[in-house]
Amino acid sequence: MDGFFKKLIGSLFFLKNILKKTSDVQPHKKALGKKGEVVAAKFLKKKGYKILQRNYRRKTGEIDIICYDRGSIVFVEVKTRGSDSYGPPELAVTEAKKKQIIKMASRYIAEKKVEGIDLRFDVVSVFYPPAKKHPAITLYKNAFTKTCS
């Protein structure tokens, strides 16, 4: 019995360390994402976009930034990275994410009763290179369309 309890206690400490490491990572990623969204909104304003809403949330998803630009309502997905280990930020916008954004955009349009205006889907990539003070920001206009596969 004594060996059993030692193994049990060892397993519990192992699980505790895994959970602690997991919870430590999440707030950092979330904070980096929020920082990227703030930077992206400022960047878009400088480009002449009018910010209509940030963090449009419903049970089925979220749109990071909704803007007006040159006669179009623009739905912007912001992707932020602090490392290129997983590739450039913009590659994180998967087909599933595109479909979810399109559904959320349709919902937004229905809620606001907007008719007869062009819609556009842009992506803003925010990359904080290690040891650099300022991020690299890239805007991808018309990154995907409402008929994406």
N, C-alpha and C. Protein backbone atom coordinates (compact mmCIF):
# COMPACT_ATOMS: atom_id res chain seq x y z
N MET A 1 0.82 -1.21 0.00
CA MET A 1 0.00 0.00 0.00
C MET A 1 0.85 1.26 0.00
N ASP A 2 1.97 1.22 0.69
CA ASP A 2 2.82 2.39 0.80
C ASP A 2 3.31 2.85 -0.58
N GLY A 3 3.71 1.92 -1.44
CA GLY A 3 4.17 2.25 -2.80
C GLY A 3 3.05 2.83 -3.64
N PHE A 4 1.84 2.33 -3.44
CA PHE A 4 0.68 2.83 -4.18
C PHE A 4 0.45 4.31 -3.90
N PHE A 5 0.50 4.69 -2.63
CA PHE A 5 0.26 6.09 -2.26
C PHE A 5 1.37 7.01 -2.77
N LYS A 6 2.60 6.51 -2.76
CA LYS A 6 3.70 7.32 -3.30
C LYS A 6 3.48 7.59 -4.79
N LYS A 7 3.06 6.54 -5.53
CA LYS A 7 2.79 6.71 -6.96
C LYS A 7 1.61 7.66 -7.17
N LEU A 8 0.59 7.52 -6.34
CA LEU A 8 -0.58 8.38 -6.46
C LEU A 8 -0.21 9.84 -6.21
N ILE A 9 0.55 10.08 -5.16
CA ILE A 9 0.96 11.45 -4.84
C ILE A 9 1.87 12.00 -5.94
N GLY A 10 2.78 11.17 -6.43
CA GLY A 10 3.64 11.59 -7.54
C GLY A 10 2.84 11.95 -8.77
N SER A 11 1.81 11.15 -9.07
CA SER A 11 0.95 11.42 -10.23
C SER A 11 0.18 12.72 -10.05
N LEU A 12 -0.29 12.97 -8.84
CA LEU A 12 -1.03 14.20 -8.57
C LEU A 12 -0.14 15.44 -8.74
N PHE A 13 1.10 15.36 -8.26
CA PHE A 13 2.02 16.48 -8.45
C PHE A 13 2.33 16.70 -9.93
N PHE A 14 2.49 15.59 -10.66
CA PHE A 14 2.73 15.68 -12.10
C PHE A 14 1.57 16.39 -12.80
N LEU A 15 0.34 15.99 -12.48
CA LEU A 15 -0.84 16.62 -13.07
C LEU A 15 -0.94 18.09 -12.69
N LYS A 16 -0.64 18.39 -11.43
CA LYS A 16 -0.68 19.77 -10.96
C LYS A 16 0.29 20.64 -11.77
N ASN A 17 1.49 20.13 -12.02
CA ASN A 17 2.48 20.88 -12.80
C ASN A 17 2.03 21.08 -14.24
N ILE A 18 1.41 20.07 -14.83
CA ILE A 18 0.90 20.20 -16.20
C ILE A 18 -0.19 21.27 -16.24
N LEU A 19 -1.13 21.20 -15.30
CA LEU A 19 -2.21 22.18 -15.27
C LEU A 19 -1.69 23.59 -15.03
N LYS A 20 -0.70 23.71 -14.16
CA LYS A 20 -0.12 25.03 -13.88
C LYS A 20 0.53 25.60 -15.13
N LYS A 21 1.29 24.78 -15.85
CA LYS A 21 1.94 25.24 -17.08
C LYS A 21 0.91 25.64 -18.12
N THR A 22 -0.16 24.87 -18.26
CA THR A 22 -1.21 25.17 -19.23
C THR A 22 -1.88 26.49 -18.89
N SER A 23 -2.21 26.70 -17.62
CA SER A 23 -2.89 27.94 -17.24
C SER A 23 -1.96 29.14 -17.36
N ASP A 24 -0.65 28.93 -17.20
CA ASP A 24 0.30 30.03 -17.36
C ASP A 24 0.38 30.49 -18.81
N VAL A 25 0.23 29.57 -19.75
CA VAL A 25 0.35 29.90 -21.17
C VAL A 25 -0.87 30.68 -21.65
N GLN A 26 -2.04 30.28 -21.27
CA GLN A 26 -3.26 30.88 -21.79
C GLN A 26 -3.37 32.39 -21.55
N PRO A 27 -3.16 32.88 -20.34
CA PRO A 27 -3.28 34.33 -20.14
C PRO A 27 -2.28 35.12 -21.00
N HIS A 28 -1.09 34.58 -21.20
CA HIS A 28 -0.09 35.26 -22.03
C HIS A 28 -0.58 35.36 -23.47
N LYS A 29 -1.10 34.26 -24.00
CA LYS A 29 -1.61 34.27 -25.38
C LYS A 29 -2.78 35.23 -25.52
N LYS A 30 -3.65 35.21 -24.53
CA LYS A 30 -4.82 36.10 -24.55
C LYS A 30 -4.39 37.56 -24.51
N ALA A 31 -3.43 37.87 -23.64
CA ALA A 31 -2.94 39.25 -23.52
C ALA A 31 -2.25 39.69 -24.81
N LEU A 32 -1.48 38.80 -25.43
CA LEU A 32 -0.82 39.13 -26.69
C LEU A 32 -1.86 39.38 -27.78
N GLY A 33 -2.90 38.56 -27.81
CA GLY A 33 -3.97 38.74 -28.79
C GLY A 33 -4.69 40.07 -28.62
N LYS A 34 -4.99 40.43 -27.39
CA LYS A 34 -5.66 41.72 -27.12
C LYS A 34 -4.75 42.89 -27.50
N LYS A 35 -3.47 42.76 -27.19
CA LYS A 35 -2.50 43.80 -27.55
C LYS A 35 -2.47 43.96 -29.07
N GLY A 36 -2.49 42.85 -29.78
CA GLY A 36 -2.51 42.88 -31.24
C GLY A 36 -3.75 43.55 -31.79
N GLU A 37 -4.90 43.31 -31.16
CA GLU A 37 -6.15 43.93 -31.60
C GLU A 37 -6.12 45.44 -31.41
N VAL A 38 -5.55 45.90 -30.31
CA VAL A 38 -5.43 47.34 -30.06
C VAL A 38 -4.52 47.98 -31.12
N VAL A 39 -3.39 47.34 -31.37
CA VAL A 39 -2.44 47.84 -32.37
C VAL A 39 -3.08 47.85 -33.76
N ALA A 40 -3.82 46.79 -34.08
CA ALA A 40 -4.48 46.69 -35.39
C ALA A 40 -5.53 47.79 -35.56
N ALA A 41 -6.31 48.07 -34.51
CA ALA A 41 -7.33 49.11 -34.59
C ALA A 41 -6.69 50.48 -34.85
N LYS A 42 -5.60 50.77 -34.16
CA LYS A 42 -4.88 52.04 -34.39
C LYS A 42 -4.34 52.11 -35.82
N PHE A 43 -3.80 51.00 -36.28
CA PHE A 43 -3.26 50.90 -37.64
C PHE A 43 -4.36 51.17 -38.67
N LEU A 44 -5.52 50.56 -38.48
CA LEU A 44 -6.64 50.73 -39.41
C LEU A 44 -7.13 52.18 -39.42
N LYS A 45 -7.21 52.80 -38.24
CA LYS A 45 -7.62 54.21 -38.16
C LYS A 45 -6.67 55.09 -38.96
N LYS A 46 -5.37 54.83 -38.83
CA LYS A 46 -4.38 55.61 -39.59
C LYS A 46 -4.55 55.41 -41.10
N LYS A 47 -5.06 54.25 -41.49
CA LYS A 47 -5.30 53.96 -42.91
C LYS A 47 -6.62 54.56 -43.40
N GLY A 48 -7.38 55.20 -42.48
CA GLY A 48 -8.63 55.85 -42.87
C GLY A 48 -9.89 55.04 -42.60
N TYR A 49 -9.75 53.88 -42.00
CA TYR A 49 -10.92 53.08 -41.65
C TYR A 49 -11.64 53.75 -40.48
N LYS A 50 -12.95 53.66 -40.47
CA LYS A 50 -13.74 54.13 -39.33
C LYS A 50 -14.15 52.89 -38.54
N ILE A 51 -13.72 52.81 -37.29
CA ILE A 51 -14.04 51.65 -36.46
C ILE A 51 -15.49 51.76 -36.01
N LEU A 52 -16.29 50.76 -36.35
CA LEU A 52 -17.70 50.73 -35.94
C LEU A 52 -17.87 49.96 -34.64
N GLN A 53 -17.14 48.86 -34.51
CA GLN A 53 -17.27 48.04 -33.30
C GLN A 53 -16.05 47.14 -33.16
N ARG A 54 -15.68 46.90 -31.91
CA ARG A 54 -14.61 45.95 -31.62
C ARG A 54 -15.18 44.82 -30.80
N ASN A 55 -14.65 43.64 -31.02
CA ASN A 55 -15.04 42.43 -30.27
C ASN A 55 -16.55 42.20 -30.28
N TYR A 56 -17.10 42.11 -31.47
CA TYR A 56 -18.52 41.78 -31.64
C TYR A 56 -18.66 40.30 -31.30
N ARG A 57 -19.31 40.01 -30.16
CA ARG A 57 -19.41 38.63 -29.66
C ARG A 57 -20.84 38.16 -29.58
N ARG A 58 -21.02 36.91 -29.95
CA ARG A 58 -22.27 36.19 -29.76
C ARG A 58 -21.90 34.77 -29.37
N LYS A 59 -22.89 33.95 -29.04
CA LYS A 59 -22.60 32.58 -28.61
C LYS A 59 -21.81 31.79 -29.65
N THR A 60 -22.04 32.09 -30.91
CA THR A 60 -21.43 31.30 -31.98
C THR A 60 -20.07 31.82 -32.45
N GLY A 61 -19.60 32.92 -31.88
CA GLY A 61 -18.29 33.40 -32.28
C GLY A 61 -18.05 34.87 -32.02
N GLU A 62 -17.00 35.38 -32.65
CA GLU A 62 -16.58 36.76 -32.45
C GLU A 62 -15.95 37.31 -33.72
N ILE A 63 -16.14 38.60 -33.93
CA ILE A 63 -15.40 39.32 -34.96
C ILE A 63 -14.56 40.36 -34.23
N ASP A 64 -13.27 40.37 -34.52
CA ASP A 64 -12.36 41.25 -33.78
C ASP A 64 -12.67 42.73 -33.98
N ILE A 65 -12.77 43.16 -35.24
CA ILE A 65 -13.01 44.57 -35.54
C ILE A 65 -13.96 44.68 -36.72
N ILE A 66 -14.94 45.57 -36.59
CA ILE A 66 -15.85 45.87 -37.70
C ILE A 66 -15.65 47.34 -38.04
N CYS A 67 -15.40 47.62 -39.33
CA CYS A 67 -15.06 48.97 -39.77
C CYS A 67 -15.88 49.38 -40.98
N TYR A 68 -15.74 50.63 -41.30
CA TYR A 68 -16.28 51.17 -42.56
C TYR A 68 -15.09 51.72 -43.33
N ASP A 69 -14.97 51.31 -44.60
CA ASP A 69 -13.87 51.78 -45.43
C ASP A 69 -14.33 51.93 -46.87
N ARG A 70 -14.35 53.15 -47.36
CA ARG A 70 -14.64 53.45 -48.76
C ARG A 70 -15.89 52.74 -49.29
N GLY A 71 -16.99 52.90 -48.58
CA GLY A 71 -18.26 52.35 -49.04
C GLY A 71 -18.52 50.90 -48.69
N SER A 72 -17.65 50.29 -47.92
CA SER A 72 -17.83 48.89 -47.53
C SER A 72 -17.79 48.73 -46.02
N ILE A 73 -18.57 47.78 -45.53
CA ILE A 73 -18.41 47.35 -44.15
C ILE A 73 -17.35 46.26 -44.18
N VAL A 74 -16.34 46.41 -43.34
CA VAL A 74 -15.20 45.50 -43.35
C VAL A 74 -15.15 44.74 -42.03
N PHE A 75 -15.09 43.42 -42.14
CA PHE A 75 -14.98 42.55 -40.98
C PHE A 75 -13.52 42.10 -40.92
N VAL A 76 -12.86 42.45 -39.82
CA VAL A 76 -11.42 42.23 -39.72
C VAL A 76 -11.09 41.17 -38.67
N GLU A 77 -10.33 40.19 -39.09
CA GLU A 77 -9.78 39.19 -38.18
C GLU A 77 -8.33 39.57 -37.92
N VAL A 78 -7.97 39.66 -36.64
CA VAL A 78 -6.61 40.02 -36.26
C VAL A 78 -5.92 38.78 -35.73
N LYS A 79 -4.74 38.50 -36.25
CA LYS A 79 -3.93 37.38 -35.77
C LYS A 79 -2.60 37.93 -35.32
N THR A 80 -2.21 37.58 -34.10
CA THR A 80 -1.00 38.11 -33.49
C THR A 80 -0.09 36.96 -33.07
N ARG A 81 1.20 37.14 -33.28
CA ARG A 81 2.19 36.15 -32.86
C ARG A 81 3.39 36.87 -32.25
N GLY A 82 4.03 36.20 -31.33
CA GLY A 82 5.27 36.69 -30.73
C GLY A 82 6.45 35.86 -31.18
N SER A 83 6.17 34.84 -32.00
CA SER A 83 7.20 33.94 -32.50
C SER A 83 6.73 33.40 -33.84
N ASP A 84 7.67 33.02 -34.67
CA ASP A 84 7.27 32.43 -35.95
C ASP A 84 7.32 30.90 -35.92
N SER A 85 7.33 30.33 -34.73
CA SER A 85 7.39 28.88 -34.57
C SER A 85 6.24 28.16 -35.27
N TYR A 86 5.08 28.79 -35.31
CA TYR A 86 3.91 28.18 -35.93
C TYR A 86 3.58 28.82 -37.28
N GLY A 87 4.53 29.54 -37.83
CA GLY A 87 4.30 30.20 -39.11
C GLY A 87 3.78 31.60 -38.92
N PRO A 88 3.58 32.32 -40.03
CA PRO A 88 3.09 33.69 -39.92
C PRO A 88 1.67 33.74 -39.38
N PRO A 89 1.32 34.82 -38.68
CA PRO A 89 0.00 34.92 -38.05
C PRO A 89 -1.17 34.71 -39.00
N GLU A 90 -1.08 35.28 -40.20
CA GLU A 90 -2.21 35.22 -41.13
C GLU A 90 -2.57 33.79 -41.54
N LEU A 91 -1.63 32.86 -41.44
CA LEU A 91 -1.94 31.47 -41.80
C LEU A 91 -2.83 30.78 -40.77
N ALA A 92 -3.02 31.42 -39.63
CA ALA A 92 -3.88 30.85 -38.59
C ALA A 92 -5.37 31.08 -38.88
N VAL A 93 -5.68 31.79 -39.95
CA VAL A 93 -7.09 31.98 -40.33
C VAL A 93 -7.48 30.80 -41.21
N THR A 94 -8.04 29.79 -40.57
CA THR A 94 -8.40 28.54 -41.25
C THR A 94 -9.72 28.69 -42.00
N GLU A 95 -10.04 27.70 -42.82
CA GLU A 95 -11.32 27.69 -43.53
C GLU A 95 -12.48 27.71 -42.53
N ALA A 96 -12.35 26.96 -41.44
CA ALA A 96 -13.40 26.93 -40.41
C ALA A 96 -13.58 28.32 -39.79
N LYS A 97 -12.47 29.01 -39.53
CA LYS A 97 -12.54 30.36 -38.96
C LYS A 97 -13.18 31.33 -39.95
N LYS A 98 -12.84 31.20 -41.22
CA LYS A 98 -13.45 32.06 -42.25
C LYS A 98 -14.96 31.87 -42.28
N LYS A 99 -15.40 30.62 -42.25
CA LYS A 99 -16.85 30.33 -42.27
C LYS A 99 -17.53 30.92 -41.05
N GLN A 100 -16.88 30.81 -39.90
CA GLN A 100 -17.45 31.36 -38.66
C GLN A 100 -17.55 32.88 -38.74
N ILE A 101 -16.54 33.54 -39.29
CA ILE A 101 -16.56 35.00 -39.43
C ILE A 101 -17.67 35.41 -40.40
N ILE A 102 -17.82 34.68 -41.48
CA ILE A 102 -18.87 34.98 -42.46
C ILE A 102 -20.25 34.85 -41.82
N LYS A 103 -20.46 33.80 -41.02
CA LYS A 103 -21.74 33.63 -40.31
C LYS A 103 -21.98 34.79 -39.35
N MET A 104 -20.94 35.17 -38.62
CA MET A 104 -21.07 36.28 -37.68
C MET A 104 -21.33 37.60 -38.41
N ALA A 105 -20.72 37.78 -39.56
CA ALA A 105 -20.96 38.99 -40.36
C ALA A 105 -22.41 39.05 -40.82
N SER A 106 -22.95 37.92 -41.26
CA SER A 106 -24.36 37.86 -41.67
C SER A 106 -25.27 38.22 -40.51
N ARG A 107 -24.91 37.73 -39.35
CA ARG A 107 -25.70 38.02 -38.15
C ARG A 107 -25.64 39.52 -37.81
N TYR A 108 -24.44 40.08 -37.90
CA TYR A 108 -24.26 41.51 -37.62
C TYR A 108 -25.11 42.34 -38.58
N ILE A 109 -25.06 42.02 -39.87
CA ILE A 109 -25.81 42.74 -40.90
C ILE A 109 -27.31 42.65 -40.62
N ALA A 110 -27.78 41.46 -40.23
CA ALA A 110 -29.20 41.27 -39.91
C ALA A 110 -29.60 42.08 -38.68
N GLU A 111 -28.76 42.05 -37.64
CA GLU A 111 -29.06 42.80 -36.41
C GLU A 111 -29.11 44.31 -36.66
N LYS A 112 -28.19 44.80 -37.46
CA LYS A 112 -28.10 46.24 -37.72
C LYS A 112 -29.01 46.69 -38.86
N LYS A 113 -29.66 45.71 -39.50
CA LYS A 113 -30.58 45.99 -40.62
C LYS A 113 -29.88 46.80 -41.72
N VAL A 114 -28.69 46.38 -42.05
CA VAL A 114 -27.90 47.04 -43.09
C VAL A 114 -28.22 46.39 -44.43
N GLU A 115 -28.53 47.22 -45.42
CA GLU A 115 -28.84 46.70 -46.75
C GLU A 115 -28.11 47.51 -47.81
N GLY A 116 -27.80 46.87 -48.92
CA GLY A 116 -27.25 47.56 -50.08
C GLY A 116 -25.86 48.11 -49.91
N ILE A 117 -25.06 47.49 -49.08
CA ILE A 117 -23.68 47.94 -48.88
C ILE A 117 -22.74 46.76 -49.10
N ASP A 118 -21.60 47.03 -49.69
CA ASP A 118 -20.62 45.98 -49.93
C ASP A 118 -20.00 45.51 -48.62
N LEU A 119 -19.69 44.23 -48.58
CA LEU A 119 -19.02 43.64 -47.42
C LEU A 119 -17.62 43.21 -47.85
N ARG A 120 -16.70 43.30 -46.92
CA ARG A 120 -15.33 42.87 -47.21
C ARG A 120 -14.77 42.18 -45.98
N PHE A 121 -13.89 41.22 -46.22
CA PHE A 121 -13.26 40.47 -45.13
C PHE A 121 -11.75 40.64 -45.23
N ASP A 122 -11.19 41.37 -44.26
CA ASP A 122 -9.75 41.62 -44.22
C ASP A 122 -9.12 40.86 -43.06
N VAL A 123 -7.82 40.66 -43.16
CA VAL A 123 -7.04 40.07 -42.08
C VAL A 123 -5.89 41.02 -41.78
N VAL A 124 -5.65 41.25 -40.49
CA VAL A 124 -4.48 42.03 -40.08
C VAL A 124 -3.56 41.08 -39.31
N SER A 125 -2.33 41.00 -39.78
CA SER A 125 -1.30 40.18 -39.15
C SER A 125 -0.42 41.09 -38.31
N VAL A 126 -0.27 40.74 -37.03
CA VAL A 126 0.59 41.51 -36.13
C VAL A 126 1.65 40.56 -35.60
N PHE A 127 2.90 40.86 -35.90
CA PHE A 127 4.01 39.99 -35.48
C PHE A 127 4.99 40.79 -34.65
N TYR A 128 5.21 40.33 -33.42
CA TYR A 128 6.19 40.95 -32.53
C TYR A 128 7.47 40.13 -32.59
N PRO A 129 8.43 40.53 -33.43
CA PRO A 129 9.68 39.77 -33.50
C PRO A 129 10.41 39.84 -32.16
N PRO A 130 11.06 38.74 -31.77
CA PRO A 130 11.82 38.77 -30.52
C PRO A 130 12.86 39.90 -30.55
N ALA A 131 13.01 40.56 -29.44
CA ALA A 131 13.99 41.64 -29.24
C ALA A 131 13.73 42.88 -30.10
N LYS A 132 12.51 43.02 -30.61
CA LYS A 132 12.16 44.23 -31.36
C LYS A 132 11.10 44.99 -30.57
N LYS A 133 11.16 46.30 -30.66
CA LYS A 133 10.24 47.13 -29.88
C LYS A 133 8.86 47.23 -30.53
N HIS A 134 8.84 47.33 -31.86
CA HIS A 134 7.58 47.55 -32.57
C HIS A 134 7.20 46.34 -33.41
N PRO A 135 5.91 46.08 -33.52
CA PRO A 135 5.47 44.93 -34.31
C PRO A 135 5.49 45.21 -35.81
N ALA A 136 5.55 44.14 -36.57
CA ALA A 136 5.36 44.22 -38.02
C ALA A 136 3.87 44.01 -38.26
N ILE A 137 3.23 44.94 -38.95
CA ILE A 137 1.79 44.86 -39.19
C ILE A 137 1.55 44.78 -40.69
N THR A 138 0.74 43.79 -41.09
CA THR A 138 0.42 43.62 -42.50
C THR A 138 -1.09 43.53 -42.65
N LEU A 139 -1.63 44.30 -43.59
CA LEU A 139 -3.06 44.28 -43.88
C LEU A 139 -3.29 43.49 -45.16
N TYR A 140 -4.19 42.51 -45.09
CA TYR A 140 -4.59 41.73 -46.25
C TYR A 140 -6.04 42.08 -46.56
N LYS A 141 -6.22 43.00 -47.54
CA LYS A 141 -7.57 43.39 -47.95
C LYS A 141 -8.18 42.25 -48.76
N ASN A 142 -9.49 42.07 -48.60
CA ASN A 142 -10.19 41.00 -49.33
C ASN A 142 -9.48 39.66 -49.13
N ALA A 143 -9.11 39.37 -47.90
CA ALA A 143 -8.36 38.14 -47.60
C ALA A 143 -9.16 36.89 -47.96
N PHE A 144 -10.48 37.00 -47.85
CA PHE A 144 -11.36 35.91 -48.27
C PHE A 144 -12.71 36.51 -48.61
N THR A 145 -13.55 35.70 -49.26
CA THR A 145 -14.85 36.19 -49.70
C THR A 145 -15.96 35.38 -49.04
N LYS A 146 -17.17 35.90 -49.19
CA LYS A 146 -18.32 35.24 -48.59
C LYS A 146 -18.56 33.85 -49.18
N THR A 147 -18.01 33.58 -50.32
CA THR A 147 -18.19 32.28 -50.96
C THR A 147 -16.98 31.37 -50.78
N CYS A 148 -16.19 31.62 -49.69
CA CYS A 148 -15.01 30.77 -49.49
C CYS A 148 -15.44 29.33 -49.28
N SER A 149 -14.59 28.41 -49.69
CA SER A 149 -14.93 26.98 -49.62
C SER A 149 -14.82 26.43 -48.22
